[in-house]
């Protein structure tokens, strides 16, 4: 009986792995194509209509072309590129001290910033929020958020600023392109 159960579990796990491999990244996603996303050539073009992160060396705005900001920021501590699961093409994550920037490059070579993630309290938002700030002080800075589970979500244009709240303080800050 035990061998029979183990055989069933093995078959189930094998089937699950096959399904996950064939339904994952790399498939054509024409509905999510970057063709419909307006890309600004500099952060200043859309900064008043979007949330932007200022690292002190460069300004990263989700939905903008990353070339100018990446050049100004300088060499990343680490980069990782993989086939995108959300958009056509490849995603590259540039890791710097205290934050990371995700960039999608489609098959035509068009690139845009899709995400900026603050990874420690060494950086703040333009309004002064940082990892470790109390949830109530975050609301004082930004007003009433849309709350989704443990997240405070603020929207500006085609961008979101997301605060993950744990134990009544900010545990994570993410700037994200909506639909990216």
C-alpha atoms as a PDB file:
ATOM      1  CA  UNK A   1       0.000   0.000   0.000  1.00  0.00           C
ATOM      2  CA  UNK A   2       2.838   2.400   0.821  1.00  0.00           C
ATOM      3  CA  UNK A   3       4.530   1.757  -2.551  1.00  0.00           C
ATOM      4  CA  UNK A   4       1.207   2.465  -4.299  1.00  0.00           C
ATOM      5  CA  UNK A   5       0.827   5.829  -2.488  1.00  0.00           C
ATOM      6  CA  UNK A   6       4.415   6.793  -3.281  1.00  0.00           C
ATOM      7  CA  UNK A   7       3.860   5.937  -6.956  1.00  0.00           C
ATOM      8  CA  UNK A   8       0.709   8.109  -7.075  1.00  0.00           C
ATOM      9  CA  UNK A   9       2.512  10.997  -5.402  1.00  0.00           C
ATOM     10  CA  UNK A  10       5.428  10.662  -7.844  1.00  0.00           C
ATOM     11  CA  UNK A  11       3.086  10.679 -10.851  1.00  0.00           C
ATOM     12  CA  UNK A  12       1.205  13.691  -9.468  1.00  0.00           C
ATOM     13  CA  UNK A  13       4.420  15.651  -8.817  1.00  0.00           C
ATOM     14  CA  UNK A  14       5.784  14.808 -12.273  1.00  0.00           C
ATOM     15  CA  UNK A  15       2.545  15.961 -13.899  1.00  0.00           C
ATOM     16  CA  UNK A  16       2.605  19.186 -11.830  1.00  0.00           C
ATOM     17  CA  UNK A  17       6.169  19.991 -12.901  1.00  0.00           C
ATOM     18  CA  UNK A  18       5.282  19.433 -16.576  1.00  0.00           C
ATOM     19  CA  UNK A  19       2.247  21.714 -16.313  1.00  0.00           C
ATOM     20  CA  UNK A  20       4.270  24.445 -14.604  1.00  0.00           C
ATOM     21  CA  UNK A  21       7.053  24.238 -17.172  1.00  0.00           C
ATOM     22  CA  UNK A  22       4.713  24.492 -20.142  1.00  0.00           C
ATOM     23  CA  UNK A  23       2.610  27.312 -18.725  1.00  0.00           C
ATOM     24  CA  UNK A  24       5.333  29.546 -17.346  1.00  0.00           C
ATOM     25  CA  UNK A  25       7.563  32.264 -18.696  1.00  0.00           C
ATOM     26  CA  UNK A  26       8.444  32.861 -22.287  1.00  0.00           C
ATOM     27  CA  UNK A  27       5.055  32.414 -23.887  1.00  0.00           C
ATOM     28  CA  UNK A  28       3.753  35.092 -26.200  1.00  0.00           C
ATOM     29  CA  UNK A  29       1.841  37.704 -24.291  1.00  0.00           C
ATOM     30  CA  UNK A  30       0.534  39.975 -27.001  1.00  0.00           C
ATOM     31  CA  UNK A  31      -2.201  41.329 -24.734  1.00  0.00           C
ATOM     32  CA  UNK A  32       0.483  42.640 -22.343  1.00  0.00           C
ATOM     33  CA  UNK A  33       2.740  44.023 -25.043  1.00  0.00           C
ATOM     34  CA  UNK A  34       4.763  47.123 -24.365  1.00  0.00           C
ATOM     35  CA  UNK A  35       3.443  48.558 -27.642  1.00  0.00           C
ATOM     36  CA  UNK A  36       0.531  50.092 -25.727  1.00  0.00           C
ATOM     37  CA  UNK A  37       2.643  51.555 -22.916  1.00  0.00           C
ATOM     38  CA  UNK A  38       3.765  55.131 -23.586  1.00  0.00           C
ATOM     39  CA  UNK A  39       7.446  55.379 -22.754  1.00  0.00           C
ATOM     40  CA  UNK A  40       8.947  58.679 -21.733  1.00  0.00           C
ATOM     41  CA  UNK A  41      12.509  59.328 -22.815  1.00  0.00           C
ATOM     42  CA  UNK A  42      13.337  61.021 -19.521  1.00  0.00           C
ATOM     43  CA  UNK A  43      11.901  60.924 -16.032  1.00  0.00           C
ATOM     44  CA  UNK A  44      11.127  64.645 -16.117  1.00  0.00           C
ATOM     45  CA  UNK A  45       8.581  64.059 -18.901  1.00  0.00           C
ATOM     46  CA  UNK A  46       6.255  62.093 -16.631  1.00  0.00           C
ATOM     47  CA  UNK A  47       7.399  62.802 -13.074  1.00  0.00           C
ATOM     48  CA  UNK A  48       4.409  65.038 -12.313  1.00  0.00           C
ATOM     49  CA  UNK A  49       2.068  62.276 -13.502  1.00  0.00           C
ATOM     50  CA  UNK A  50       3.878  59.372 -11.846  1.00  0.00           C
ATOM     51  CA  UNK A  51       5.662  58.311  -8.689  1.00  0.00           C
ATOM     52  CA  UNK A  52       9.445  58.510  -9.085  1.00  0.00           C
ATOM     53  CA  UNK A  53      12.338  57.333  -6.940  1.00  0.00           C
ATOM     54  CA  UNK A  54      15.342  59.645  -6.561  1.00  0.00           C
ATOM     55  CA  UNK A  55      18.448  57.701  -5.511  1.00  0.00           C
ATOM     56  CA  UNK A  56      20.510  60.855  -5.080  1.00  0.00           C
ATOM     57  CA  UNK A  57      22.329  60.122  -8.346  1.00  0.00           C
ATOM     58  CA  UNK A  58      19.423  59.361 -10.676  1.00  0.00           C
ATOM     59  CA  UNK A  59      15.627  59.466 -10.877  1.00  0.00           C
ATOM     60  CA  UNK A  60      13.856  56.221 -11.769  1.00  0.00           C
ATOM     61  CA  UNK A  61      10.245  56.482 -12.931  1.00  0.00           C
ATOM     62  CA  UNK A  62       8.205  53.393 -13.779  1.00  0.00           C
ATOM     63  CA  UNK A  63       7.198  53.636 -17.431  1.00  0.00           C
ATOM     64  CA  UNK A  64      10.238  55.662 -18.484  1.00  0.00           C
ATOM     65  CA  UNK A  65      13.200  54.684 -20.622  1.00  0.00           C
ATOM     66  CA  UNK A  66      15.908  53.622 -18.132  1.00  0.00           C
ATOM     67  CA  UNK A  67      19.007  54.522 -20.179  1.00  0.00           C
ATOM     68  CA  UNK A  68      19.606  58.007 -18.746  1.00  0.00           C
ATOM     69  CA  UNK A  69      18.946  57.012 -15.127  1.00  0.00           C
ATOM     70  CA  UNK A  70      21.029  53.808 -15.291  1.00  0.00           C
ATOM     71  CA  UNK A  71      23.932  55.738 -16.785  1.00  0.00           C
ATOM     72  CA  UNK A  72      23.712  58.434 -14.105  1.00  0.00           C
ATOM     73  CA  UNK A  73      23.426  55.849 -11.310  1.00  0.00           C
ATOM     74  CA  UNK A  74      26.616  54.073 -12.364  1.00  0.00           C
ATOM     75  CA  UNK A  75      27.547  50.416 -12.272  1.00  0.00           C
ATOM     76  CA  UNK A  76      25.177  48.105 -10.411  1.00  0.00           C
ATOM     77  CA  UNK A  77      26.457  45.821  -7.667  1.00  0.00           C
ATOM     78  CA  UNK A  78      24.700  42.961  -9.435  1.00  0.00           C
ATOM     79  CA  UNK A  79      22.545  42.390 -12.507  1.00  0.00           C
ATOM     80  CA  UNK A  80      20.306  39.461 -13.349  1.00  0.00           C
ATOM     81  CA  UNK A  81      18.473  38.930 -16.642  1.00  0.00           C
ATOM     82  CA  UNK A  82      15.763  36.357 -17.341  1.00  0.00           C
ATOM     83  CA  UNK A  83      12.850  35.804 -19.694  1.00  0.00           C
ATOM     84  CA  UNK A  84       9.918  37.908 -18.485  1.00  0.00           C
ATOM     85  CA  UNK A  85       6.870  36.179 -17.036  1.00  0.00           C
ATOM     86  CA  UNK A  86       4.710  39.311 -17.193  1.00  0.00           C
ATOM     87  CA  UNK A  87       5.710  41.017 -20.448  1.00  0.00           C
ATOM     88  CA  UNK A  88       7.270  40.016 -23.758  1.00  0.00           C
ATOM     89  CA  UNK A  89      11.059  39.991 -23.808  1.00  0.00           C
ATOM     90  CA  UNK A  90      13.533  39.962 -20.936  1.00  0.00           C
ATOM     91  CA  UNK A  91      13.546  41.444 -17.457  1.00  0.00           C
ATOM     92  CA  UNK A  92      16.787  42.714 -15.964  1.00  0.00           C
ATOM     93  CA  UNK A  93      17.163  43.543 -12.285  1.00  0.00           C
ATOM     94  CA  UNK A  94      19.886  46.045 -11.400  1.00  0.00           C
ATOM     95  CA  UNK A  95      20.839  45.861  -7.716  1.00  0.00           C
ATOM     96  CA  UNK A  96      22.342  48.888  -5.978  1.00  0.00           C
ATOM     97  CA  UNK A  97      22.964  49.664  -2.323  1.00  0.00           C
ATOM     98  CA  UNK A  98      19.531  49.966  -0.716  1.00  0.00           C
ATOM     99  CA  UNK A  99      17.381  49.465  -3.827  1.00  0.00           C
ATOM    100  CA  UNK A 100      16.879  47.526  -7.040  1.00  0.00           C
ATOM    101  CA  UNK A 101      15.479  48.553 -10.420  1.00  0.00           C
ATOM    102  CA  UNK A 102      13.645  46.172 -12.761  1.00  0.00           C
ATOM    103  CA  UNK A 103      13.719  46.898 -16.495  1.00  0.00           C
ATOM    104  CA  UNK A 104      11.814  45.100 -19.243  1.00  0.00           C
ATOM    105  CA  UNK A 105      13.245  44.997 -22.764  1.00  0.00           C
ATOM    106  CA  UNK A 106      10.838  43.720 -25.413  1.00  0.00           C
ATOM    107  CA  UNK A 107      11.738  41.824 -28.589  1.00  0.00           C
ATOM    108  CA  UNK A 108      12.055  45.117 -30.509  1.00  0.00           C
ATOM    109  CA  UNK A 109      14.650  46.394 -28.030  1.00  0.00           C
ATOM    110  CA  UNK A 110      12.367  48.932 -26.345  1.00  0.00           C
ATOM    111  CA  UNK A 111      13.126  49.170 -22.604  1.00  0.00           C
ATOM    112  CA  UNK A 112      11.241  50.630 -19.666  1.00  0.00           C
ATOM    113  CA  UNK A 113      11.471  50.735 -15.904  1.00  0.00           C
ATOM    114  CA  UNK A 114       8.777  48.435 -14.496  1.00  0.00           C
ATOM    115  CA  UNK A 115       9.639  48.405 -10.799  1.00  0.00           C
ATOM    116  CA  UNK A 116      11.837  49.998  -8.133  1.00  0.00           C
ATOM    117  CA  UNK A 117      12.143  48.230  -4.787  1.00  0.00           C
ATOM    118  CA  UNK A 118      13.697  49.872  -1.728  1.00  0.00           C
ATOM    119  CA  UNK A 119      15.545  47.177   0.206  1.00  0.00           C
ATOM    120  CA  UNK A 120      16.607  48.978   3.387  1.00  0.00           C
ATOM    121  CA  UNK A 121      16.168  52.253   5.264  1.00  0.00           C
ATOM    122  CA  UNK A 122      19.074  54.036   3.558  1.00  0.00           C
ATOM    123  CA  UNK A 123      16.709  55.644   1.009  1.00  0.00           C
ATOM    124  CA  UNK A 124      13.454  57.525   1.415  1.00  0.00           C
ATOM    125  CA  UNK A 125      10.590  58.448  -0.860  1.00  0.00           C
ATOM    126  CA  UNK A 126      10.279  62.079  -2.010  1.00  0.00           C
ATOM    127  CA  UNK A 127       7.803  62.637   0.808  1.00  0.00           C
ATOM    128  CA  UNK A 128      10.139  61.145   3.439  1.00  0.00           C
ATOM    129  CA  UNK A 129       8.770  57.617   3.906  1.00  0.00           C
ATOM    130  CA  UNK A 130      11.299  54.875   4.664  1.00  0.00           C
ATOM    131  CA  UNK A 131      11.414  51.237   5.708  1.00  0.00           C
ATOM    132  CA  UNK A 132      10.670  51.218   9.428  1.00  0.00           C
ATOM    133  CA  UNK A 133       8.313  54.231   9.381  1.00  0.00           C
ATOM    134  CA  UNK A 134       5.099  53.651  11.326  1.00  0.00           C
ATOM    135  CA  UNK A 135       1.924  52.868   9.405  1.00  0.00           C
ATOM    136  CA  UNK A 136       0.191  55.911  10.895  1.00  0.00           C
ATOM    137  CA  UNK A 137       3.026  58.243   9.841  1.00  0.00           C
ATOM    138  CA  UNK A 138       2.868  56.788   6.323  1.00  0.00           C
ATOM    139  CA  UNK A 139      -0.820  57.727   6.163  1.00  0.00           C
ATOM    140  CA  UNK A 140       0.036  61.215   7.452  1.00  0.00           C
ATOM    141  CA  UNK A 141       2.502  61.655   4.567  1.00  0.00           C
ATOM    142  CA  UNK A 142       0.317  60.214   1.787  1.00  0.00           C
ATOM    143  CA  UNK A 143      -3.271  60.321   3.006  1.00  0.00           C
ATOM    144  CA  UNK A 144      -5.741  57.464   3.047  1.00  0.00           C
ATOM    145  CA  UNK A 145      -4.475  54.534   0.984  1.00  0.00           C
ATOM    146  CA  UNK A 146      -6.280  51.784  -0.831  1.00  0.00           C
ATOM    147  CA  UNK A 147      -5.667  48.931   1.581  1.00  0.00           C
ATOM    148  CA  UNK A 148      -5.228  45.408   0.246  1.00  0.00           C
ATOM    149  CA  UNK A 149      -4.257  42.883   2.882  1.00  0.00           C
ATOM    150  CA  UNK A 150      -1.051  44.169   4.442  1.00  0.00           C
ATOM    151  CA  UNK A 151      -0.452  46.720   1.653  1.00  0.00           C
ATOM    152  CA  UNK A 152      -1.067  50.446   1.397  1.00  0.00           C
ATOM    153  CA  UNK A 153      -1.423  51.344  -2.286  1.00  0.00           C
ATOM    154  CA  UNK A 154      -1.266  54.846  -3.743  1.00  0.00           C
ATOM    155  CA  UNK A 155      -1.836  55.491  -7.464  1.00  0.00           C
ATOM    156  CA  UNK A 156      -0.563  58.326  -9.625  1.00  0.00           C
ATOM    157  CA  UNK A 157      -1.018  58.108 -13.392  1.00  0.00           C
ATOM    158  CA  UNK A 158       0.148  54.671 -14.538  1.00  0.00           C
ATOM    159  CA  UNK A 159       2.238  54.068 -11.413  1.00  0.00           C
ATOM    160  CA  UNK A 160       1.663  52.714  -7.933  1.00  0.00           C
ATOM    161  CA  UNK A 161       3.573  53.318  -4.734  1.00  0.00           C
ATOM    162  CA  UNK A 162       3.101  50.305  -2.475  1.00  0.00           C
ATOM    163  CA  UNK A 163       3.962  50.041   1.198  1.00  0.00           C
ATOM    164  CA  UNK A 164       3.933  46.590   2.812  1.00  0.00           C
ATOM    165  CA  UNK A 165       3.020  46.954   6.480  1.00  0.00           C
ATOM    166  CA  UNK A 166       4.195  44.431   9.066  1.00  0.00           C
ATOM    167  CA  UNK A 167       3.832  44.876  12.833  1.00  0.00           C
ATOM    168  CA  UNK A 168       2.469  48.413  12.261  1.00  0.00           C
ATOM    169  CA  UNK A 169       5.507  49.675  10.336  1.00  0.00           C
ATOM    170  CA  UNK A 170       6.704  49.829   6.729  1.00  0.00           C
ATOM    171  CA  UNK A 171       8.556  46.628   5.795  1.00  0.00           C
ATOM    172  CA  UNK A 172       8.849  47.258   2.043  1.00  0.00           C
ATOM    173  CA  UNK A 173       8.440  50.108  -0.450  1.00  0.00           C
ATOM    174  CA  UNK A 174       7.846  49.487  -4.138  1.00  0.00           C
ATOM    175  CA  UNK A 175       7.301  51.797  -7.096  1.00  0.00           C
ATOM    176  CA  UNK A 176       5.507  49.884  -9.852  1.00  0.00           C
ATOM    177  CA  UNK A 177       4.222  50.427 -13.363  1.00  0.00           C
ATOM    178  CA  UNK A 178       0.559  49.463 -13.535  1.00  0.00           C
ATOM    179  CA  UNK A 179       0.233  46.654 -16.042  1.00  0.00           C
ATOM    180  CA  UNK A 180       3.999  46.167 -16.141  1.00  0.00           C
END
